């Protein structure tokens, strides 16, 4: 009998090797901070109300790329 590693364990090991979880955490933290800054700046600069949603959309679309 051979002890083959299940596919999901190899998959998560590969994600860990490529530091995907670290990138996800950093991207989430930076995105959260950026959204907080935008939330403060939009009213102060009299920017349109949709600016916050636009930045959030850009962050969500950029997440898979990171």
PDB file of N, CA and C in Angstrom:
ATOM      1  N   UNK A   1       0.825  -1.186   0.000  1.00  0.00           N
ATOM      2  CA  UNK A   1       0.000   0.000   0.000  1.00  0.00           C
ATOM      3  C   UNK A   1       0.867   1.247   0.000  1.00  0.00           C
ATOM      4  N   UNK A   2       0.522   2.155  -0.847  1.00  0.00           N
ATOM      5  CA  UNK A   2       1.247   3.427  -0.862  1.00  0.00           C
ATOM      6  C   UNK A   2       0.393   4.484  -0.193  1.00  0.00           C
ATOM      7  N   UNK A   3       1.046   5.386   0.471  1.00  0.00           N
ATOM      8  CA  UNK A   3       0.303   6.458   1.140  1.00  0.00           C
ATOM      9  C   UNK A   3       0.344   7.708   0.261  1.00  0.00           C
ATOM     10  N   UNK A   4      -0.582   7.772  -0.656  1.00  0.00           N
ATOM     11  CA  UNK A   4      -0.668   8.924  -1.551  1.00  0.00           C
ATOM     12  C   UNK A   4      -1.321  10.087  -0.810  1.00  0.00           C
ATOM     13  N   UNK A   5      -0.759  11.244  -0.982  1.00  0.00           N
ATOM     14  CA  UNK A   5      -1.325  12.437  -0.368  1.00  0.00           C
ATOM     15  C   UNK A   5      -2.580  12.830  -1.136  1.00  0.00           C
ATOM     16  N   UNK A   6      -3.687  13.044  -0.421  1.00  0.00           N
ATOM     17  CA  UNK A   6      -4.913  13.451  -1.114  1.00  0.00           C
ATOM     18  C   UNK A   6      -4.705  14.754  -1.894  1.00  0.00           C
ATOM     19  N   UNK A   7      -5.491  14.918  -2.942  1.00  0.00           N
ATOM     20  CA  UNK A   7      -5.351  16.070  -3.822  1.00  0.00           C
ATOM     21  C   UNK A   7      -5.513  17.402  -3.116  1.00  0.00           C
ATOM     22  N   UNK A   8      -6.473  17.482  -2.184  1.00  0.00           N
ATOM     23  CA  UNK A   8      -6.691  18.753  -1.513  1.00  0.00           C
ATOM     24  C   UNK A   8      -5.509  19.131  -0.624  1.00  0.00           C
ATOM     25  N   UNK A   9      -4.830  18.144  -0.042  1.00  0.00           N
ATOM     26  CA  UNK A   9      -3.666  18.450   0.786  1.00  0.00           C
ATOM     27  C   UNK A   9      -2.520  18.965  -0.073  1.00  0.00           C
ATOM     28  N   UNK A  10      -2.345  18.369  -1.240  1.00  0.00           N
ATOM     29  CA  UNK A  10      -1.312  18.870  -2.157  1.00  0.00           C
ATOM     30  C   UNK A  10      -1.650  20.274  -2.631  1.00  0.00           C
ATOM     31  N   UNK A  11      -2.937  20.493  -2.886  1.00  0.00           N
ATOM     32  CA  UNK A  11      -3.384  21.808  -3.339  1.00  0.00           C
ATOM     33  C   UNK A  11      -3.068  22.878  -2.296  1.00  0.00           C
ATOM     34  N   UNK A  12      -3.428  22.626  -1.029  1.00  0.00           N
ATOM     35  CA  UNK A  12      -3.164  23.601   0.025  1.00  0.00           C
ATOM     36  C   UNK A  12      -1.673  23.739   0.301  1.00  0.00           C
ATOM     37  N   UNK A  13      -0.919  22.669   0.148  1.00  0.00           N
ATOM     38  CA  UNK A  13       0.532  22.757   0.308  1.00  0.00           C
ATOM     39  C   UNK A  13       1.133  23.649  -0.773  1.00  0.00           C
ATOM     40  N   UNK A  14       0.620  23.535  -1.985  1.00  0.00           N
ATOM     41  CA  UNK A  14       1.103  24.387  -3.082  1.00  0.00           C
ATOM     42  C   UNK A  14       0.725  25.847  -2.843  1.00  0.00           C
ATOM     43  N   UNK A  15      -0.479  26.094  -2.353  1.00  0.00           N
ATOM     44  CA  UNK A  15      -0.873  27.465  -2.028  1.00  0.00           C
ATOM     45  C   UNK A  15       0.028  28.043  -0.944  1.00  0.00           C
ATOM     46  N   UNK A  16       0.353  27.224   0.037  1.00  0.00           N
ATOM     47  CA  UNK A  16       1.230  27.679   1.116  1.00  0.00           C
ATOM     48  C   UNK A  16       2.632  27.945   0.589  1.00  0.00           C
ATOM     49  N   UNK A  17       3.117  27.084  -0.291  1.00  0.00           N
ATOM     50  CA  UNK A  17       4.451  27.265  -0.856  1.00  0.00           C
ATOM     51  C   UNK A  17       4.538  28.566  -1.653  1.00  0.00           C
ATOM     52  N   UNK A  18       3.466  28.896  -2.348  1.00  0.00           N
ATOM     53  CA  UNK A  18       3.448  30.119  -3.160  1.00  0.00           C
ATOM     54  C   UNK A  18       3.054  31.355  -2.357  1.00  0.00           C
ATOM     55  N   UNK A  19       2.829  31.182  -1.073  1.00  0.00           N
ATOM     56  CA  UNK A  19       2.481  32.269  -0.156  1.00  0.00           C
ATOM     57  C   UNK A  19       1.190  32.984  -0.550  1.00  0.00           C
ATOM     58  N   UNK A  20       0.242  32.230  -1.045  1.00  0.00           N
ATOM     59  CA  UNK A  20      -1.039  32.796  -1.463  1.00  0.00           C
ATOM     60  C   UNK A  20      -1.801  33.347  -0.265  1.00  0.00           C
ATOM     61  N   UNK A  21      -1.761  32.646   0.856  1.00  0.00           N
ATOM     62  CA  UNK A  21      -2.497  33.093   2.033  1.00  0.00           C
ATOM     63  C   UNK A  21      -1.944  34.412   2.561  1.00  0.00           C
ATOM     64  N   UNK A  22      -0.638  34.582   2.512  1.00  0.00           N
ATOM     65  CA  UNK A  22      -0.015  35.827   2.962  1.00  0.00           C
ATOM     66  C   UNK A  22      -0.435  36.984   2.055  1.00  0.00           C
ATOM     67  N   UNK A  23      -0.427  36.750   0.754  1.00  0.00           N
ATOM     68  CA  UNK A  23      -0.833  37.790  -0.196  1.00  0.00           C
ATOM     69  C   UNK A  23      -2.300  38.156   0.024  1.00  0.00           C
ATOM     70  N   UNK A  24      -3.146  37.156   0.267  1.00  0.00           N
ATOM     71  CA  UNK A  24      -4.562  37.425   0.527  1.00  0.00           C
ATOM     72  C   UNK A  24      -4.735  38.289   1.773  1.00  0.00           C
ATOM     73  N   UNK A  25      -3.990  37.982   2.818  1.00  0.00           N
ATOM     74  CA  UNK A  25      -4.106  38.741   4.061  1.00  0.00           C
ATOM     75  C   UNK A  25      -3.635  40.179   3.870  1.00  0.00           C
ATOM     76  N   UNK A  26      -2.495  40.358   3.226  1.00  0.00           N
ATOM     77  CA  UNK A  26      -1.962  41.704   3.001  1.00  0.00           C
ATOM     78  C   UNK A  26      -2.907  42.499   2.107  1.00  0.00           C
ATOM     79  N   UNK A  27      -3.418  41.888   1.049  1.00  0.00           N
ATOM     80  CA  UNK A  27      -4.341  42.567   0.141  1.00  0.00           C
ATOM     81  C   UNK A  27      -5.605  42.993   0.888  1.00  0.00           C
ATOM     82  N   UNK A  28      -6.115  42.122   1.735  1.00  0.00           N
ATOM     83  CA  UNK A  28      -7.307  42.454   2.509  1.00  0.00           C
ATOM     84  C   UNK A  28      -7.077  43.601   3.475  1.00  0.00           C
ATOM     85  N   UNK A  29      -5.940  43.590   4.151  1.00  0.00           N
ATOM     86  CA  UNK A  29      -5.625  44.654   5.107  1.00  0.00           C
ATOM     87  C   UNK A  29      -5.434  45.982   4.390  1.00  0.00           C
ATOM     88  N   UNK A  30      -4.660  45.977   3.317  1.00  0.00           N
ATOM     89  CA  UNK A  30      -4.422  47.210   2.557  1.00  0.00           C
ATOM     90  C   UNK A  30      -5.732  47.717   1.950  1.00  0.00           C
ATOM     91  N   UNK A  31      -6.549  46.816   1.436  1.00  0.00           N
ATOM     92  CA  UNK A  31      -7.839  47.216   0.882  1.00  0.00           C
ATOM     93  C   UNK A  31      -8.745  47.839   1.928  1.00  0.00           C
ATOM     94  N   UNK A  32      -8.768  47.252   3.119  1.00  0.00           N
ATOM     95  CA  UNK A  32      -9.583  47.796   4.204  1.00  0.00           C
ATOM     96  C   UNK A  32      -9.113  49.193   4.585  1.00  0.00           C
ATOM     97  N   UNK A  33      -7.802  49.367   4.712  1.00  0.00           N
ATOM     98  CA  UNK A  33      -7.249  50.680   5.059  1.00  0.00           C
ATOM     99  C   UNK A  33      -7.570  51.698   3.967  1.00  0.00           C
ATOM    100  N   UNK A  34      -7.420  51.290   2.715  1.00  0.00           N
ATOM    101  CA  UNK A  34      -7.726  52.190   1.604  1.00  0.00           C
ATOM    102  C   UNK A  34      -9.200  52.603   1.614  1.00  0.00           C
ATOM    103  N   UNK A  35     -10.091  51.667   1.888  1.00  0.00           N
ATOM    104  CA  UNK A  35     -11.514  52.007   1.954  1.00  0.00           C
ATOM    105  C   UNK A  35     -11.814  52.964   3.108  1.00  0.00           C
ATOM    106  N   UNK A  36     -11.119  52.807   4.216  1.00  0.00           N
ATOM    107  CA  UNK A  36     -11.314  53.727   5.336  1.00  0.00           C
ATOM    108  C   UNK A  36     -10.850  55.132   4.976  1.00  0.00           C
ATOM    109  N   UNK A  37      -9.730  55.219   4.271  1.00  0.00           N
ATOM    110  CA  UNK A  37      -9.220  56.523   3.837  1.00  0.00           C
ATOM    111  C   UNK A  37     -10.191  57.164   2.849  1.00  0.00           C
ATOM    112  N   UNK A  38     -10.667  56.381   1.895  1.00  0.00           N
ATOM    113  CA  UNK A  38     -11.621  56.903   0.907  1.00  0.00           C
ATOM    114  C   UNK A  38     -12.895  57.368   1.602  1.00  0.00           C
ATOM    115  N   UNK A  39     -13.337  56.636   2.609  1.00  0.00           N
ATOM    116  CA  UNK A  39     -14.542  57.005   3.346  1.00  0.00           C
ATOM    117  C   UNK A  39     -14.387  58.375   4.011  1.00  0.00           C
ATOM    118  N   UNK A  40     -13.186  58.701   4.449  1.00  0.00           N
ATOM    119  CA  UNK A  40     -12.936  60.002   5.067  1.00  0.00           C
ATOM    120  C   UNK A  40     -12.732  61.105   4.031  1.00  0.00           C
ATOM    121  N   UNK A  41     -12.101  60.775   2.919  1.00  0.00           N
ATOM    122  CA  UNK A  41     -11.700  61.778   1.937  1.00  0.00           C
ATOM    123  C   UNK A  41     -12.854  62.189   1.014  1.00  0.00           C
ATOM    124  N   UNK A  42     -13.730  61.272   0.675  1.00  0.00           N
ATOM    125  CA  UNK A  42     -14.811  61.563  -0.287  1.00  0.00           C
ATOM    126  C   UNK A  42     -15.659  62.760   0.154  1.00  0.00           C
ATOM    127  N   UNK A  43     -16.169  62.796   1.379  1.00  0.00           N
ATOM    128  CA  UNK A  43     -16.970  63.974   1.765  1.00  0.00           C
ATOM    129  C   UNK A  43     -16.126  65.253   1.865  1.00  0.00           C
ATOM    130  N   UNK A  44     -14.886  65.118   2.311  1.00  0.00           N
ATOM    131  CA  UNK A  44     -14.040  66.297   2.484  1.00  0.00           C
ATOM    132  C   UNK A  44     -13.701  66.956   1.152  1.00  0.00           C
ATOM    133  N   UNK A  45     -13.526  66.161   0.109  1.00  0.00           N
ATOM    134  CA  UNK A  45     -13.177  66.697  -1.207  1.00  0.00           C
ATOM    135  C   UNK A  45     -14.402  66.891  -2.097  1.00  0.00           C
ATOM    136  N   UNK A  46     -15.579  66.673  -1.540  1.00  0.00           N
ATOM    137  CA  UNK A  46     -16.833  66.819  -2.275  1.00  0.00           C
ATOM    138  C   UNK A  46     -16.859  65.974  -3.545  1.00  0.00           C
ATOM    139  N   UNK A  47     -16.323  64.766  -3.432  1.00  0.00           N
ATOM    140  CA  UNK A  47     -16.337  63.836  -4.559  1.00  0.00           C
ATOM    141  C   UNK A  47     -17.723  63.212  -4.682  1.00  0.00           C
ATOM    142  N   UNK A  48     -18.051  62.681  -5.856  1.00  0.00           N
ATOM    143  CA  UNK A  48     -19.373  62.053  -6.017  1.00  0.00           C
ATOM    144  C   UNK A  48     -19.559  60.883  -5.050  1.00  0.00           C
ATOM    145  N   UNK A  49     -20.810  60.618  -4.736  1.00  0.00           N
ATOM    146  CA  UNK A  49     -21.140  59.568  -3.772  1.00  0.00           C
ATOM    147  C   UNK A  49     -20.724  58.181  -4.250  1.00  0.00           C
ATOM    148  N   UNK A  50     -20.674  57.959  -5.551  1.00  0.00           N
ATOM    149  CA  UNK A  50     -20.347  56.648  -6.096  1.00  0.00           C
ATOM    150  C   UNK A  50     -18.852  56.333  -6.034  1.00  0.00           C
ATOM    151  N   UNK A  51     -18.034  57.275  -5.619  1.00  0.00           N
ATOM    152  CA  UNK A  51     -16.586  57.063  -5.582  1.00  0.00           C
ATOM    153  C   UNK A  51     -16.217  55.910  -4.653  1.00  0.00           C
ATOM    154  N   UNK A  52     -16.850  55.847  -3.492  1.00  0.00           N
ATOM    155  CA  UNK A  52     -16.557  54.776  -2.532  1.00  0.00           C
ATOM    156  C   UNK A  52     -16.880  53.408  -3.136  1.00  0.00           C
ATOM    157  N   UNK A  53     -18.032  53.299  -3.786  1.00  0.00           N
ATOM    158  CA  UNK A  53     -18.416  52.031  -4.418  1.00  0.00           C
ATOM    159  C   UNK A  53     -17.478  51.674  -5.562  1.00  0.00           C
ATOM    160  N   UNK A  54     -17.016  52.684  -6.290  1.00  0.00           N
ATOM    161  CA  UNK A  54     -16.088  52.446  -7.393  1.00  0.00           C
ATOM    162  C   UNK A  54     -14.765  51.883  -6.875  1.00  0.00           C
ATOM    163  N   UNK A  55     -14.234  52.462  -5.814  1.00  0.00           N
ATOM    164  CA  UNK A  55     -12.978  51.973  -5.231  1.00  0.00           C
ATOM    165  C   UNK A  55     -13.166  50.556  -4.699  1.00  0.00           C
ATOM    166  N   UNK A  56     -14.286  50.283  -4.062  1.00  0.00           N
ATOM    167  CA  UNK A  56     -14.560  48.934  -3.558  1.00  0.00           C
ATOM    168  C   UNK A  56     -14.635  47.935  -4.709  1.00  0.00           C
ATOM    169  N   UNK A  57     -15.262  48.324  -5.811  1.00  0.00           N
ATOM    170  CA  UNK A  57     -15.358  47.450  -6.980  1.00  0.00           C
ATOM    171  C   UNK A  57     -13.977  47.166  -7.563  1.00  0.00           C
ATOM    172  N   UNK A  58     -13.150  48.192  -7.675  1.00  0.00           N
ATOM    173  CA  UNK A  58     -11.790  48.018  -8.196  1.00  0.00           C
ATOM    174  C   UNK A  58     -10.997  47.067  -7.295  1.00  0.00           C
ATOM    175  N   UNK A  59     -11.146  47.210  -5.991  1.00  0.00           N
ATOM    176  CA  UNK A  59     -10.451  46.311  -5.063  1.00  0.00           C
ATOM    177  C   UNK A  59     -10.932  44.870  -5.226  1.00  0.00           C
ATOM    178  N   UNK A  60     -12.224  44.680  -5.394  1.00  0.00           N
ATOM    179  CA  UNK A  60     -12.754  43.318  -5.566  1.00  0.00           C
ATOM    180  C   UNK A  60     -12.301  42.703  -6.883  1.00  0.00           C
ATOM    181  N   UNK A  61     -12.266  43.503  -7.934  1.00  0.00           N
ATOM    182  CA  UNK A  61     -11.828  42.982  -9.230  1.00  0.00           C
ATOM    183  C   UNK A  61     -10.325  42.706  -9.243  1.00  0.00           C
ATOM    184  N   UNK A  62      -9.567  43.467  -8.471  1.00  0.00           N
ATOM    185  CA  UNK A  62      -8.124  43.278  -8.424  1.00  0.00           C
ATOM    186  C   UNK A  62      -7.680  42.137  -7.536  1.00  0.00           C
ATOM    187  N   UNK A  63      -8.564  41.658  -6.675  1.00  0.00           N
ATOM    188  CA  UNK A  63      -8.190  40.599  -5.737  1.00  0.00           C
ATOM    189  C   UNK A  63      -7.719  39.324  -6.425  1.00  0.00           C
ATOM    190  N   UNK A  64      -8.431  38.808  -7.434  1.00  0.00           N
ATOM    191  CA  UNK A  64      -7.940  37.581  -8.085  1.00  0.00           C
ATOM    192  C   UNK A  64      -6.607  37.779  -8.796  1.00  0.00           C
ATOM    193  N   UNK A  65      -6.336  38.987  -9.244  1.00  0.00           N
ATOM    194  CA  UNK A  65      -5.085  39.261  -9.952  1.00  0.00           C
ATOM    195  C   UNK A  65      -3.906  39.225  -8.990  1.00  0.00           C
ATOM    196  N   UNK A  66      -4.124  39.735  -7.782  1.00  0.00           N
ATOM    197  CA  UNK A  66      -3.040  39.770  -6.803  1.00  0.00           C
ATOM    198  C   UNK A  66      -2.666  38.358  -6.435  1.00  0.00           C
TER     199      UNK A  66
END
